[in-house]
Amino acid sequence: MGVINATPDSFSDDGTGDDHDRAATLARSFEEAGADIIDVGAESSRPGGEGIDAREELRRLLPALAKIRAATGLPISVDTWRASVAQAALEAGADVINDIHGFRRDPAIAGVAAHTGAPAVLMHNQRGLPFHDVIGDVRAGFDASLRVARDAGIDPARLVLDPGFGFGWTVGQNLELVRRLFELGAYELPLLVGVSRKSTLGAVVDLPVERRRDATAAAVAMCVAAGVDIVRVHDVAEMSTVVRMADAIARGTWRDPA
């Protein structure tokens, strides 16, 4: 999953802002580099970044989405927690809802997913919640989100789970989360993880955001080995290579030529 931030304040300093042609160029380059999904968001999810209203989110999102949709045939996920934004994005050509609050901040978004049939990514967001145990807390979040989805009549086969690396955890807790990802296999649903360039990586390797590609590669490989199905990344070409190699080792995807 290649990340396009249609924002002026992305933590990774790669926001396209109002440069919609740049967003389209990124989408094309991601497709050529091996991406399977394009993820576009118009509200920064970094701490303190969720401060705009739906009108501003749509002002940023819809022109970028139109350009991206024209530039690529790949599925597009819209990174939003608002029902109104998700509905407008799906009508404008997006295919998937990616909700960093897992249907729990604006439960009406579950109704949008149910009505449209769009697949959805449900993330556990630990921000502001009491800590007990990393995987226990993730499971509690997943269970709550899945209840909302079930009550809305959403087929679980259309859902993807994201444990929320970087969302309310300490550095040590983030690292533990990756070590214990295999414990989430009991849900028997696809897992998505976004480790790319995040501050935990910077804390461990003591490097600024623009120099965290190798650290991202290590974390991505560990995620694949733990059973993750989708990795959300900024450096698509490099991480596509990492994923192919990690898959070949961890999942036996390589077959010797006859």
Protein backbone atom coordinates (compact mmCIF):
# COMPACT_ATOMS: atom_id res chain seq x y z
CA MET A 1 0.00 0.00 0.00
CA GLY A 2 1.60 3.22 -1.20
CA VAL A 3 0.93 6.34 0.88
CA ILE A 4 -0.10 9.66 -0.64
CA ASN A 5 -0.68 12.44 1.90
CA ALA A 6 -2.79 15.22 0.37
CA THR A 7 -1.85 17.39 3.33
CA PRO A 8 0.53 20.26 4.02
CA ASP A 9 1.64 18.78 7.37
CA SER A 10 2.60 15.13 6.87
CA PHE A 11 4.98 13.83 9.57
CA SER A 12 7.17 12.33 6.84
CA ASP A 13 7.48 15.68 5.04
CA ASP A 14 6.05 14.26 1.81
CA GLY A 15 2.62 15.88 1.78
CA THR A 16 1.40 16.91 -1.66
CA GLY A 17 -0.88 19.65 -0.33
CA ASP A 18 -2.73 21.30 -3.19
CA ASP A 19 -0.30 19.98 -5.83
CA HIS A 20 -2.73 17.44 -7.26
CA ASP A 21 -0.57 16.72 -10.31
CA ARG A 22 2.18 15.62 -7.93
CA ALA A 23 -0.26 13.28 -6.23
CA ALA A 24 -1.11 11.74 -9.59
CA THR A 25 2.56 11.38 -10.48
CA LEU A 26 3.20 9.61 -7.19
CA ALA A 27 0.32 7.24 -7.84
CA ARG A 28 1.67 6.34 -11.27
CA SER A 29 5.17 5.82 -9.89
CA PHE A 30 3.82 3.63 -7.08
CA GLU A 31 1.96 1.45 -9.57
CA GLU A 32 5.07 1.08 -11.71
CA ALA A 33 7.12 0.24 -8.60
CA GLY A 34 4.86 -2.63 -7.57
CA ALA A 35 2.18 -1.18 -5.29
CA ASP A 36 -1.09 -3.08 -5.01
CA ILE A 37 -3.15 -0.32 -3.35
CA ILE A 38 -2.91 3.48 -3.19
CA ASP A 39 -3.87 5.04 0.14
CA VAL A 40 -4.77 8.73 0.06
CA GLY A 41 -5.60 10.87 3.07
CA ALA A 42 -6.22 14.58 3.55
CA GLU A 43 -5.95 14.90 7.32
CA SER A 44 -2.62 14.25 9.02
CA SER A 45 -2.81 11.42 11.56
CA ARG A 46 0.35 12.47 13.39
CA PRO A 47 -0.18 13.48 17.04
CA GLY A 48 -1.94 16.83 17.02
CA GLY A 49 -2.63 16.65 13.29
CA GLU A 50 -6.35 15.84 13.43
CA GLY A 51 -7.57 19.41 13.61
CA ILE A 52 -9.49 20.12 10.41
CA ASP A 53 -13.20 19.84 9.74
CA ALA A 54 -14.95 17.71 7.11
CA ARG A 55 -15.27 20.63 4.71
CA GLU A 56 -11.51 21.24 4.68
CA GLU A 57 -10.77 17.52 4.45
CA LEU A 58 -12.98 17.26 1.37
CA ARG A 59 -11.47 20.40 -0.15
CA ARG A 60 -8.04 18.77 0.05
CA LEU A 61 -9.10 15.25 -0.78
CA LEU A 62 -11.47 15.30 -3.72
CA PRO A 63 -9.28 17.09 -6.30
CA ALA A 64 -6.32 14.87 -5.39
CA LEU A 65 -8.49 11.77 -5.56
CA ALA A 66 -9.81 12.74 -8.99
CA LYS A 67 -6.27 13.10 -10.32
CA ILE A 68 -5.13 9.84 -8.71
CA ARG A 69 -8.17 7.97 -10.03
CA ALA A 70 -7.38 9.17 -13.55
CA ALA A 71 -3.73 8.19 -13.17
CA THR A 72 -4.03 4.60 -11.97
CA GLY A 73 -6.25 1.55 -12.18
CA LEU A 74 -5.12 0.33 -8.77
CA PRO A 75 -7.61 0.14 -5.90
CA ILE A 76 -7.62 3.36 -3.87
CA SER A 77 -8.26 3.47 -0.15
CA VAL A 78 -9.34 6.69 1.51
CA ASP A 79 -7.77 7.37 4.89
CA THR A 80 -10.61 8.99 6.84
CA TRP A 81 -12.70 8.41 9.95
CA ARG A 82 -15.62 10.61 8.89
CA ALA A 83 -18.71 9.02 7.35
CA SER A 84 -19.43 12.03 5.14
CA VAL A 85 -15.91 12.09 3.74
CA ALA A 86 -15.88 8.33 3.14
CA GLN A 87 -19.19 8.54 1.26
CA ALA A 88 -18.00 11.41 -0.95
CA ALA A 89 -14.68 9.66 -1.64
CA LEU A 90 -16.35 6.41 -2.66
CA GLU A 91 -18.66 8.32 -4.98
CA ALA A 92 -15.57 10.01 -6.47
CA GLY A 93 -13.81 6.74 -7.27
CA ALA A 94 -12.22 5.41 -4.09
CA ASP A 95 -12.66 1.71 -3.42
CA VAL A 96 -11.76 1.10 0.25
CA ILE A 97 -12.29 2.87 3.58
CA ASN A 98 -9.23 3.07 5.85
CA ASP A 99 -10.40 4.26 9.29
CA ILE A 100 -7.72 4.96 11.92
CA HIS A 101 -10.44 4.89 14.57
CA GLY A 102 -11.89 1.57 13.51
CA PHE A 103 -15.52 2.74 13.17
CA ARG A 104 -15.41 3.93 16.79
CA ARG A 105 -15.12 7.72 16.43
CA ASP A 106 -17.88 8.17 13.85
CA PRO A 107 -19.91 4.92 13.91
CA ALA A 108 -21.96 6.15 10.93
CA ILE A 109 -19.00 5.27 8.73
CA ALA A 110 -19.87 1.61 9.27
CA GLY A 111 -23.21 2.33 7.63
CA VAL A 112 -21.39 3.80 4.62
CA ALA A 113 -19.34 0.62 4.30
CA ALA A 114 -22.43 -1.54 4.68
CA HIS A 115 -24.49 0.44 2.15
CA THR A 116 -21.77 0.70 -0.49
CA GLY A 117 -20.19 -2.71 0.02
CA ALA A 118 -16.75 -1.11 0.26
CA PRO A 119 -14.04 -3.09 2.05
CA ALA A 120 -12.72 -1.40 5.18
CA VAL A 121 -9.53 -1.30 7.22
CA LEU A 122 -10.26 -1.10 10.96
CA MET A 123 -7.36 0.24 12.99
CA HIS A 124 -6.96 0.06 16.74
CA ASN A 125 -6.00 3.53 18.01
CA GLN A 126 -4.44 3.46 21.49
CA ARG A 127 -4.24 7.25 21.87
CA GLY A 128 -5.85 8.40 25.11
CA LEU A 129 -6.63 4.88 26.29
CA PRO A 130 -5.32 3.22 29.46
CA PHE A 131 -2.55 0.69 28.87
CA HIS A 132 -2.80 -2.88 30.12
CA ASP A 133 -1.04 -5.17 27.66
CA VAL A 134 -0.06 -4.47 24.07
CA ILE A 135 -1.83 -7.36 22.38
CA GLY A 136 -4.63 -7.41 24.95
CA ASP A 137 -5.37 -3.76 24.25
CA VAL A 138 -5.26 -4.33 20.49
CA ARG A 139 -7.65 -7.25 20.83
CA ALA A 140 -10.04 -5.15 22.90
CA GLY A 141 -9.99 -2.47 20.20
CA PHE A 142 -10.48 -4.98 17.40
CA ASP A 143 -13.36 -6.63 19.24
CA ALA A 144 -15.11 -3.28 19.73
CA SER A 145 -14.65 -2.33 16.06
CA LEU A 146 -15.85 -5.72 14.86
CA ARG A 147 -18.98 -5.37 16.98
CA VAL A 148 -19.78 -2.07 15.26
CA ALA A 149 -19.17 -3.69 11.87
CA ARG A 150 -21.34 -6.69 12.76
CA ASP A 151 -24.17 -4.48 14.01
CA ALA A 152 -24.05 -2.60 10.69
CA GLY A 153 -24.37 -5.87 8.80
CA ILE A 154 -20.90 -5.86 7.26
CA ASP A 155 -19.55 -9.17 6.02
CA PRO A 156 -16.30 -9.87 7.97
CA ALA A 157 -14.74 -11.07 4.70
CA ARG A 158 -14.63 -7.39 3.64
CA LEU A 159 -12.59 -6.30 6.66
CA VAL A 160 -8.87 -5.81 7.28
CA LEU A 161 -7.40 -5.25 10.76
CA ASP A 162 -4.59 -2.82 11.64
CA PRO A 163 -3.08 -2.89 15.17
CA GLY A 164 -2.08 0.78 14.98
CA PHE A 165 1.72 0.86 15.16
CA GLY A 166 2.68 4.36 16.30
CA PHE A 167 -0.76 5.34 17.56
CA GLY A 168 -0.53 5.87 21.31
CA TRP A 169 2.26 3.42 22.14
CA THR A 170 5.71 4.01 23.58
CA VAL A 171 8.74 3.00 21.55
CA GLY A 172 9.08 -0.21 23.54
CA GLN A 173 5.39 -1.01 23.13
CA ASN A 174 5.61 -0.48 19.36
CA LEU A 175 8.53 -2.89 19.16
CA GLU A 176 6.65 -5.42 21.28
CA LEU A 177 3.66 -5.04 18.99
CA VAL A 178 5.72 -6.13 15.98
CA ARG A 179 7.27 -9.02 17.93
CA ARG A 180 3.81 -10.29 18.89
CA LEU A 181 1.92 -9.72 15.64
CA PHE A 182 1.61 -13.46 15.13
CA GLU A 183 -0.78 -13.55 18.11
CA LEU A 184 -3.37 -11.66 16.05
CA GLY A 185 -3.66 -14.48 13.54
CA ALA A 186 -6.53 -15.93 15.57
CA TYR A 187 -8.86 -13.35 13.99
CA GLU A 188 -8.36 -15.04 10.63
CA LEU A 189 -8.63 -11.68 8.90
CA PRO A 190 -6.00 -9.90 6.80
CA LEU A 191 -3.60 -7.72 8.79
CA LEU A 192 -2.26 -4.34 7.68
CA VAL A 193 0.61 -2.58 9.46
CA GLY A 194 2.12 0.85 8.82
CA VAL A 195 5.65 1.16 10.20
CA SER A 196 7.08 3.34 7.44
CA ARG A 197 9.41 6.14 8.61
CA LYS A 198 7.70 6.44 12.00
CA SER A 199 9.21 8.03 15.08
CA THR A 200 9.79 4.69 16.83
CA LEU A 201 12.22 3.81 14.06
CA GLY A 202 13.94 7.15 14.47
CA ALA A 203 14.25 6.64 18.21
CA VAL A 204 15.90 3.24 17.76
CA VAL A 205 18.34 4.12 14.97
CA ASP A 206 18.74 7.81 15.88
CA LEU A 207 18.05 9.09 12.38
CA PRO A 208 15.76 11.80 10.96
CA VAL A 209 12.66 10.87 9.02
CA GLU A 210 14.31 11.18 5.60
CA ARG A 211 16.97 8.60 6.56
CA ARG A 212 14.74 5.86 7.97
CA ARG A 213 14.34 3.75 4.83
CA ASP A 214 16.64 0.95 5.98
CA ALA A 215 14.97 0.85 9.39
CA THR A 216 11.61 0.71 7.62
CA ALA A 217 12.86 -2.21 5.52
CA ALA A 218 13.85 -4.15 8.64
CA ALA A 219 10.48 -3.52 10.28
CA VAL A 220 8.58 -4.41 7.09
CA ALA A 221 10.46 -7.72 6.80
CA MET A 222 9.61 -8.55 10.42
CA CYS A 223 5.95 -7.76 9.77
CA VAL A 224 5.83 -10.03 6.74
CA ALA A 225 7.52 -12.83 8.69
CA ALA A 226 4.88 -12.41 11.42
CA GLY A 227 2.03 -12.93 8.96
CA VAL A 228 1.09 -9.40 7.94
CA ASP A 229 -0.68 -9.25 4.57
CA ILE A 230 -0.45 -5.53 3.69
CA VAL A 231 2.30 -3.05 4.56
CA ARG A 232 1.58 0.66 4.24
CA VAL A 233 4.76 2.40 3.02
CA HIS A 234 6.15 5.57 1.50
CA ASP A 235 9.11 4.01 -0.38
CA VAL A 236 7.19 1.62 -2.59
CA ALA A 237 9.95 0.49 -4.96
CA GLU A 238 12.36 -0.42 -2.17
CA MET A 239 9.74 -2.02 0.06
CA SER A 240 8.34 -4.09 -2.83
CA THR A 241 11.75 -5.73 -3.04
CA VAL A 242 11.81 -6.28 0.72
CA VAL A 243 8.35 -7.83 0.66
CA ARG A 244 9.18 -10.19 -2.20
CA MET A 245 12.27 -11.45 -0.41
CA ALA A 246 10.58 -11.73 2.98
CA ASP A 247 7.63 -13.57 1.43
CA ALA A 248 9.94 -16.00 -0.33
CA ILE A 249 11.62 -16.91 2.96
CA ALA A 250 8.74 -16.75 5.44
CA ARG A 251 5.89 -18.07 3.29
CA GLY A 252 7.63 -20.20 0.69
CA THR A 253 6.37 -18.18 -2.26
CA TRP A 254 9.48 -18.93 -4.33
CA ARG A 255 9.40 -21.94 -6.62
CA ASP A 256 12.50 -23.24 -8.34
CA PRO A 257 12.25 -23.14 -12.15
CA ALA A 258 11.31 -26.47 -13.68
